[in-house]
Amino acid sequence: MEGSTLAVDGVASNPSAAILTAPVSDASAWRAADFIADRSWIVALTEAAVAEVDAALRHAQRQGKTAQKLRATAFR
């Protein structure tokens, strides 16, 4: 992994360069079965909130911005 070093746990210090070679088996491994009955993490958006997100998306598209290039200051 060019440009990164490995941490003690074997994961690259630069997360975008990390390539895991073994299954994740600790608490960070989310599985669908863990969430089937638990709906507490779902946030329902109002129609107004969805409209605001849609308007922000259209604004970003008109500016030729990708998600990686978007900043909050573009919407002020």
PDB file of N, CA and C in Angstrom:
ATOM      1  N   MET A   1       0.840  -1.172   0.000  1.00  0.00           N
ATOM      2  CA  MET A   1       0.000   0.000   0.000  1.00  0.00           C
ATOM      3  C   MET A   1       0.885   1.234   0.000  1.00  0.00           C
ATOM      4  N   GLU A   2       1.111   1.720  -1.131  1.00  0.00           N
ATOM      5  CA  GLU A   2       1.990   2.867  -1.291  1.00  0.00           C
ATOM      6  C   GLU A   2       1.414   4.091  -0.580  1.00  0.00           C
ATOM      7  N   GLY A   3       2.256   4.831   0.129  1.00  0.00           N
ATOM      8  CA  GLY A   3       1.838   6.066   0.786  1.00  0.00           C
ATOM      9  C   GLY A   3       1.162   5.877   2.127  1.00  0.00           C
ATOM     10  N   SER A   4       1.135   4.664   2.646  1.00  0.00           N
ATOM     11  CA  SER A   4       0.530   4.455   3.957  1.00  0.00           C
ATOM     12  C   SER A   4       1.395   3.492   4.753  1.00  0.00           C
ATOM     13  N   THR A   5       1.156   3.498   6.029  1.00  0.00           N
ATOM     14  CA  THR A   5       1.860   2.559   6.894  1.00  0.00           C
ATOM     15  C   THR A   5       0.826   1.721   7.615  1.00  0.00           C
ATOM     16  N   LEU A   6       1.202   0.536   8.024  1.00  0.00           N
ATOM     17  CA  LEU A   6       0.273  -0.322   8.727  1.00  0.00           C
ATOM     18  C   LEU A   6       0.273  -0.004  10.207  1.00  0.00           C
ATOM     19  N   ALA A   7      -0.901   0.036  10.775  1.00  0.00           N
ATOM     20  CA  ALA A   7      -1.056   0.234  12.206  1.00  0.00           C
ATOM     21  C   ALA A   7      -0.841  -1.103  12.901  1.00  0.00           C
ATOM     22  N   VAL A   8      -0.832  -1.082  14.215  1.00  0.00           N
ATOM     23  CA  VAL A   8      -0.595  -2.294  14.994  1.00  0.00           C
ATOM     24  C   VAL A   8      -1.618  -3.373  14.671  1.00  0.00           C
ATOM     25  N   ASP A   9      -2.866  -2.993  14.435  1.00  0.00           N
ATOM     26  CA  ASP A   9      -3.911  -3.982  14.178  1.00  0.00           C
ATOM     27  C   ASP A   9      -3.939  -4.478  12.738  1.00  0.00           C
ATOM     28  N   GLY A  10      -2.995  -4.044  11.904  1.00  0.00           N
ATOM     29  CA  GLY A  10      -2.914  -4.522  10.532  1.00  0.00           C
ATOM     30  C   GLY A  10      -3.709  -3.722   9.536  1.00  0.00           C
ATOM     31  N   VAL A  11      -4.374  -2.660   9.994  1.00  0.00           N
ATOM     32  CA  VAL A  11      -5.141  -1.797   9.099  1.00  0.00           C
ATOM     33  C   VAL A  11      -4.276  -0.608   8.735  1.00  0.00           C
ATOM     34  N   ALA A  12      -4.313  -0.200   7.477  1.00  0.00           N
ATOM     35  CA  ALA A  12      -3.491   0.913   7.022  1.00  0.00           C
ATOM     36  C   ALA A  12      -3.839   2.186   7.782  1.00  0.00           C
ATOM     37  N   SER A  13      -2.829   3.019   8.041  1.00  0.00           N
ATOM     38  CA  SER A  13      -3.061   4.282   8.732  1.00  0.00           C
ATOM     39  C   SER A  13      -3.837   5.244   7.855  1.00  0.00           C
ATOM     40  N   ASN A  14      -3.832   5.030   6.563  1.00  0.00           N
ATOM     41  CA  ASN A  14      -4.625   5.810   5.630  1.00  0.00           C
ATOM     42  C   ASN A  14      -5.818   4.946   5.253  1.00  0.00           C
ATOM     43  N   PRO A  15      -6.997   5.184   5.880  1.00  0.00           N
ATOM     44  CA  PRO A  15      -8.132   4.280   5.675  1.00  0.00           C
ATOM     45  C   PRO A  15      -8.540   4.128   4.223  1.00  0.00           C
ATOM     46  N   SER A  16      -8.370   5.150   3.405  1.00  0.00           N
ATOM     47  CA  SER A  16      -8.775   5.022   2.009  1.00  0.00           C
ATOM     48  C   SER A  16      -7.859   4.086   1.245  1.00  0.00           C
ATOM     49  N   ALA A  17      -6.690   3.776   1.796  1.00  0.00           N
ATOM     50  CA  ALA A  17      -5.753   2.869   1.143  1.00  0.00           C
ATOM     51  C   ALA A  17      -5.840   1.460   1.716  1.00  0.00           C
ATOM     52  N   ALA A  18      -6.677   1.265   2.744  1.00  0.00           N
ATOM     53  CA  ALA A  18      -6.755  -0.036   3.418  1.00  0.00           C
ATOM     54  C   ALA A  18      -7.470  -1.062   2.556  1.00  0.00           C
ATOM     55  N   ILE A  19      -6.883  -2.205   2.444  1.00  0.00           N
ATOM     56  CA  ILE A  19      -7.522  -3.341   1.784  1.00  0.00           C
ATOM     57  C   ILE A  19      -7.536  -4.462   2.811  1.00  0.00           C
ATOM     58  N   LEU A  20      -8.715  -4.779   3.299  1.00  0.00           N
ATOM     59  CA  LEU A  20      -8.833  -5.824   4.301  1.00  0.00           C
ATOM     60  C   LEU A  20      -8.733  -7.181   3.618  1.00  0.00           C
ATOM     61  N   THR A  21      -8.005  -8.063   4.215  1.00  0.00           N
ATOM     62  CA  THR A  21      -7.814  -9.390   3.634  1.00  0.00           C
ATOM     63  C   THR A  21      -8.448 -10.490   4.478  1.00  0.00           C
ATOM     64  N   ALA A  22      -9.063 -10.129   5.577  1.00  0.00           N
ATOM     65  CA  ALA A  22      -9.731 -11.097   6.441  1.00  0.00           C
ATOM     66  C   ALA A  22     -11.113 -10.555   6.797  1.00  0.00           C
ATOM     67  N   PRO A  23     -12.066 -11.429   7.060  1.00  0.00           N
ATOM     68  CA  PRO A  23     -13.408 -10.961   7.443  1.00  0.00           C
ATOM     69  C   PRO A  23     -13.362 -10.115   8.710  1.00  0.00           C
ATOM     70  N   VAL A  24     -14.202  -9.114   8.765  1.00  0.00           N
ATOM     71  CA  VAL A  24     -14.334  -8.296   9.972  1.00  0.00           C
ATOM     72  C   VAL A  24     -15.216  -9.079  10.935  1.00  0.00           C
ATOM     73  N   SER A  25     -14.729  -9.304  12.151  1.00  0.00           N
ATOM     74  CA  SER A  25     -15.484 -10.135  13.081  1.00  0.00           C
ATOM     75  C   SER A  25     -15.746  -9.456  14.419  1.00  0.00           C
ATOM     76  N   ASP A  26     -15.336  -8.188  14.558  1.00  0.00           N
ATOM     77  CA  ASP A  26     -15.588  -7.496  15.816  1.00  0.00           C
ATOM     78  C   ASP A  26     -16.916  -6.737  15.734  1.00  0.00           C
ATOM     79  N   ALA A  27     -17.187  -5.881  16.715  1.00  0.00           N
ATOM     80  CA  ALA A  27     -18.467  -5.176  16.801  1.00  0.00           C
ATOM     81  C   ALA A  27     -18.712  -4.220  15.633  1.00  0.00           C
ATOM     82  N   SER A  28     -17.674  -3.881  14.878  1.00  0.00           N
ATOM     83  CA  SER A  28     -17.871  -2.979  13.739  1.00  0.00           C
ATOM     84  C   SER A  28     -18.462  -3.699  12.529  1.00  0.00           C
ATOM     85  N   ALA A  29     -18.563  -4.992  12.585  1.00  0.00           N
ATOM     86  CA  ALA A  29     -19.137  -5.768  11.478  1.00  0.00           C
ATOM     87  C   ALA A  29     -20.656  -5.767  11.612  1.00  0.00           C
ATOM     88  N   TRP A  30     -21.307  -4.940  10.840  1.00  0.00           N
ATOM     89  CA  TRP A  30     -22.768  -4.868  10.863  1.00  0.00           C
ATOM     90  C   TRP A  30     -23.338  -5.912   9.922  1.00  0.00           C
ATOM     91  N   ARG A  31     -24.382  -6.565  10.379  1.00  0.00           N
ATOM     92  CA  ARG A  31     -25.061  -7.565   9.566  1.00  0.00           C
ATOM     93  C   ARG A  31     -26.543  -7.216   9.508  1.00  0.00           C
ATOM     94  N   ALA A  32     -27.184  -7.538   8.400  1.00  0.00           N
ATOM     95  CA  ALA A  32     -28.606  -7.224   8.226  1.00  0.00           C
ATOM     96  C   ALA A  32     -29.438  -7.775   9.378  1.00  0.00           C
ATOM     97  N   ALA A  33     -29.103  -8.963   9.839  1.00  0.00           N
ATOM     98  CA  ALA A  33     -29.874  -9.578  10.924  1.00  0.00           C
ATOM     99  C   ALA A  33     -29.852  -8.735  12.197  1.00  0.00           C
ATOM    100  N   ASP A  34     -28.799  -7.936  12.369  1.00  0.00           N
ATOM    101  CA  ASP A  34     -28.698  -7.088  13.551  1.00  0.00           C
ATOM    102  C   ASP A  34     -29.703  -5.946  13.525  1.00  0.00           C
ATOM    103  N   PHE A  35     -30.254  -5.625  12.347  1.00  0.00           N
ATOM    104  CA  PHE A  35     -31.099  -4.443  12.207  1.00  0.00           C
ATOM    105  C   PHE A  35     -32.532  -4.737  11.798  1.00  0.00           C
ATOM    106  N   ILE A  36     -32.846  -5.981  11.540  1.00  0.00           N
ATOM    107  CA  ILE A  36     -34.189  -6.319  11.068  1.00  0.00           C
ATOM    108  C   ILE A  36     -35.262  -5.869  12.055  1.00  0.00           C
ATOM    109  N   ALA A  37     -35.089  -6.139  13.324  1.00  0.00           N
ATOM    110  CA  ALA A  37     -36.087  -5.779  14.324  1.00  0.00           C
ATOM    111  C   ALA A  37     -35.858  -4.400  14.929  1.00  0.00           C
ATOM    112  N   ASP A  38     -34.671  -3.852  14.791  1.00  0.00           N
ATOM    113  CA  ASP A  38     -34.344  -2.556  15.391  1.00  0.00           C
ATOM    114  C   ASP A  38     -34.501  -1.451  14.361  1.00  0.00           C
ATOM    115  N   ARG A  39     -35.518  -0.649  14.490  1.00  0.00           N
ATOM    116  CA  ARG A  39     -35.769   0.444  13.558  1.00  0.00           C
ATOM    117  C   ARG A  39     -35.344   1.794  14.155  1.00  0.00           C
ATOM    118  N   SER A  40     -34.688   1.793  15.312  1.00  0.00           N
ATOM    119  CA  SER A  40     -34.353   3.039  16.014  1.00  0.00           C
ATOM    120  C   SER A  40     -33.351   3.902  15.267  1.00  0.00           C
ATOM    121  N   TRP A  41     -32.610   3.335  14.352  1.00  0.00           N
ATOM    122  CA  TRP A  41     -31.592   4.076  13.617  1.00  0.00           C
ATOM    123  C   TRP A  41     -32.144   4.756  12.372  1.00  0.00           C
ATOM    124  N   ILE A  42     -33.399   4.470  12.040  1.00  0.00           N
ATOM    125  CA  ILE A  42     -34.015   5.054  10.846  1.00  0.00           C
ATOM    126  C   ILE A  42     -34.585   6.429  11.179  1.00  0.00           C
ATOM    127  N   VAL A  43     -34.271   7.398  10.348  1.00  0.00           N
ATOM    128  CA  VAL A  43     -34.771   8.756  10.517  1.00  0.00           C
ATOM    129  C   VAL A  43     -35.711   9.052   9.354  1.00  0.00           C
ATOM    130  N   ALA A  44     -36.956   9.351   9.661  1.00  0.00           N
ATOM    131  CA  ALA A  44     -37.929   9.684   8.623  1.00  0.00           C
ATOM    132  C   ALA A  44     -37.815  11.176   8.317  1.00  0.00           C
ATOM    133  N   LEU A  45     -37.672  11.498   7.044  1.00  0.00           N
ATOM    134  CA  LEU A  45     -37.578  12.893   6.630  1.00  0.00           C
ATOM    135  C   LEU A  45     -38.956  13.419   6.258  1.00  0.00           C
ATOM    136  N   THR A  46     -39.190  14.659   6.609  1.00  0.00           N
ATOM    137  CA  THR A  46     -40.443  15.297   6.208  1.00  0.00           C
ATOM    138  C   THR A  46     -40.379  15.612   4.718  1.00  0.00           C
ATOM    139  N   GLU A  47     -41.543  15.894   4.135  1.00  0.00           N
ATOM    140  CA  GLU A  47     -41.562  16.286   2.727  1.00  0.00           C
ATOM    141  C   GLU A  47     -40.714  17.531   2.508  1.00  0.00           C
ATOM    142  N   ALA A  48     -40.748  18.453   3.462  1.00  0.00           N
ATOM    143  CA  ALA A  48     -39.956  19.684   3.345  1.00  0.00           C
ATOM    144  C   ALA A  48     -38.460  19.382   3.356  1.00  0.00           C
ATOM    145  N   ALA A  49     -38.042  18.444   4.196  1.00  0.00           N
ATOM    146  CA  ALA A  49     -36.625  18.083   4.262  1.00  0.00           C
ATOM    147  C   ALA A  49     -36.177  17.413   2.971  1.00  0.00           C
ATOM    148  N   VAL A  50     -37.015  16.537   2.423  1.00  0.00           N
ATOM    149  CA  VAL A  50     -36.688  15.877   1.150  1.00  0.00           C
ATOM    150  C   VAL A  50     -36.590  16.918   0.044  1.00  0.00           C
ATOM    151  N   ALA A  51     -37.507  17.882   0.025  1.00  0.00           N
ATOM    152  CA  ALA A  51     -37.472  18.944  -0.983  1.00  0.00           C
ATOM    153  C   ALA A  51     -36.197  19.767  -0.857  1.00  0.00           C
ATOM    154  N   GLU A  52     -35.757  20.013   0.373  1.00  0.00           N
ATOM    155  CA  GLU A  52     -34.528  20.765   0.587  1.00  0.00           C
ATOM    156  C   GLU A  52     -33.306  20.003   0.075  1.00  0.00           C
ATOM    157  N   VAL A  53     -33.267  18.700   0.326  1.00  0.00           N
ATOM    158  CA  VAL A  53     -32.166  17.874  -0.167  1.00  0.00           C
ATOM    159  C   VAL A  53     -32.178  17.857  -1.698  1.00  0.00           C
ATOM    160  N   ASP A  54     -33.356  17.705  -2.280  1.00  0.00           N
ATOM    161  CA  ASP A  54     -33.471  17.717  -3.745  1.00  0.00           C
ATOM    162  C   ASP A  54     -32.991  19.043  -4.326  1.00  0.00           C
ATOM    163  N   ALA A  55     -33.373  20.152  -3.701  1.00  0.00           N
ATOM    164  CA  ALA A  55     -32.942  21.466  -4.179  1.00  0.00           C
ATOM    165  C   ALA A  55     -31.428  21.609  -4.062  1.00  0.00           C
ATOM    166  N   ALA A  56     -30.858  21.110  -2.987  1.00  0.00           N
ATOM    167  CA  ALA A  56     -29.401  21.173  -2.810  1.00  0.00           C
ATOM    168  C   ALA A  56     -28.697  20.336  -3.875  1.00  0.00           C
ATOM    169  N   LEU A  57     -29.252  19.172  -4.183  1.00  0.00           N
ATOM    170  CA  LEU A  57     -28.680  18.317  -5.220  1.00  0.00           C
ATOM    171  C   LEU A  57     -28.711  19.016  -6.576  1.00  0.00           C
ATOM    172  N   ARG A  58     -29.846  19.606  -6.910  1.00  0.00           N
ATOM    173  CA  ARG A  58     -29.947  20.322  -8.192  1.00  0.00           C
ATOM    174  C   ARG A  58     -28.953  21.481  -8.243  1.00  0.00           C
ATOM    175  N   HIS A  59     -28.805  22.200  -7.142  1.00  0.00           N
ATOM    176  CA  HIS A  59     -27.844  23.308  -7.057  1.00  0.00           C
ATOM    177  C   HIS A  59     -26.423  22.802  -7.314  1.00  0.00           C
ATOM    178  N   ALA A  60     -26.074  21.711  -6.669  1.00  0.00           N
ATOM    179  CA  ALA A  60     -24.731  21.135  -6.833  1.00  0.00           C
ATOM    180  C   ALA A  60     -24.516  20.674  -8.270  1.00  0.00           C
ATOM    181  N   GLN A  61     -25.537  20.048  -8.854  1.00  0.00           N
ATOM    182  CA  GLN A  61     -25.417  19.580 -10.235  1.00  0.00           C
ATOM    183  C   GLN A  61     -25.221  20.747 -11.196  1.00  0.00           C
ATOM    184  N   ARG A  62     -25.936  21.851 -10.974  1.00  0.00           N
ATOM    185  CA  ARG A  62     -25.772  23.026 -11.836  1.00  0.00           C
ATOM    186  C   ARG A  62     -24.358  23.584 -11.758  1.00  0.00           C
ATOM    187  N   GLN A  63     -23.724  23.443 -10.602  1.00  0.00           N
ATOM    188  CA  GLN A  63     -22.356  23.929 -10.424  1.00  0.00           C
ATOM    189  C   GLN A  63     -21.323  22.907 -10.885  1.00  0.00           C
ATOM    190  N   GLY A  64     -21.765  21.734 -11.303  1.00  0.00           N
ATOM    191  CA  GLY A  64     -20.846  20.694 -11.745  1.00  0.00           C
ATOM    192  C   GLY A  64     -20.072  20.053 -10.607  1.00  0.00           C
ATOM    193  N   LYS A  65     -20.623  20.104  -9.401  1.00  0.00           N
ATOM    194  CA  LYS A  65     -19.937  19.559  -8.220  1.00  0.00           C
ATOM    195  C   LYS A  65     -20.257  18.077  -8.038  1.00  0.00           C
ATOM    196  N   THR A  66     -19.251  17.322  -7.665  1.00  0.00           N
ATOM    197  CA  THR A  66     -19.463  15.929  -7.269  1.00  0.00           C
ATOM    198  C   THR A  66     -19.632  15.899  -5.749  1.00  0.00           C
ATOM    199  N   ALA A  67     -20.103  14.794  -5.231  1.00  0.00           N
ATOM    200  CA  ALA A  67     -20.289  14.665  -3.786  1.00  0.00           C
ATOM    201  C   ALA A  67     -18.982  14.915  -3.038  1.00  0.00           C
ATOM    202  N   GLN A  68     -17.873  14.480  -3.622  1.00  0.00           N
ATOM    203  CA  GLN A  68     -16.567  14.633  -2.969  1.00  0.00           C
ATOM    204  C   GLN A  68     -16.135  16.100  -2.905  1.00  0.00           C
ATOM    205  N   LYS A  69     -16.660  16.929  -3.776  1.00  0.00           N
ATOM    206  CA  LYS A  69     -16.252  18.335  -3.832  1.00  0.00           C
ATOM    207  C   LYS A  69     -17.233  19.271  -3.120  1.00  0.00           C
ATOM    208  N   LEU A  70     -18.360  18.766  -2.670  1.00  0.00           N
ATOM    209  CA  LEU A  70     -19.357  19.609  -2.019  1.00  0.00           C
ATOM    210  C   LEU A  70     -18.891  20.053  -0.639  1.00  0.00           C
ATOM    211  N   ARG A  71     -19.157  21.287  -0.327  1.00  0.00           N
ATOM    212  CA  ARG A  71     -18.881  21.845   0.997  1.00  0.00           C
ATOM    213  C   ARG A  71     -20.093  22.644   1.434  1.00  0.00           C
ATOM    214  N   ALA A  72     -20.317  22.764   2.707  1.00  0.00           N
ATOM    215  CA  ALA A  72     -21.464  23.504   3.244  1.00  0.00           C
ATOM    216  C   ALA A  72     -21.473  24.951   2.757  1.00  0.00           C
ATOM    217  N   THR A  73     -20.311  25.510   2.549  1.00  0.00           N
ATOM    218  CA  THR A  73     -20.240  26.910   2.130  1.00  0.00           C
ATOM    219  C   THR A  73     -20.877  27.135   0.756  1.00  0.00           C
ATOM    220  N   ALA A  74     -21.030  26.108  -0.053  1.00  0.00           N
ATOM    221  CA  ALA A  74     -21.657  26.238  -1.367  1.00  0.00           C
ATOM    222  C   ALA A  74     -23.139  26.519  -1.266  1.00  0.00           C
ATOM    223  N   PHE A  75     -23.721  26.324  -0.088  1.00  0.00           N
ATOM    224  CA  PHE A  75     -25.154  26.477   0.081  1.00  0.00           C
ATOM    225  C   PHE A  75     -25.525  27.673   0.949  1.00  0.00           C
ATOM    226  N   ARG A  76     -24.578  28.488   1.287  1.00  0.00           N
ATOM    227  CA  ARG A  76     -24.873  29.645   2.151  1.00  0.00           C
ATOM    228  C   ARG A  76     -25.133  30.865   1.330  1.00  0.00           C
TER     229      ARG A  76
END
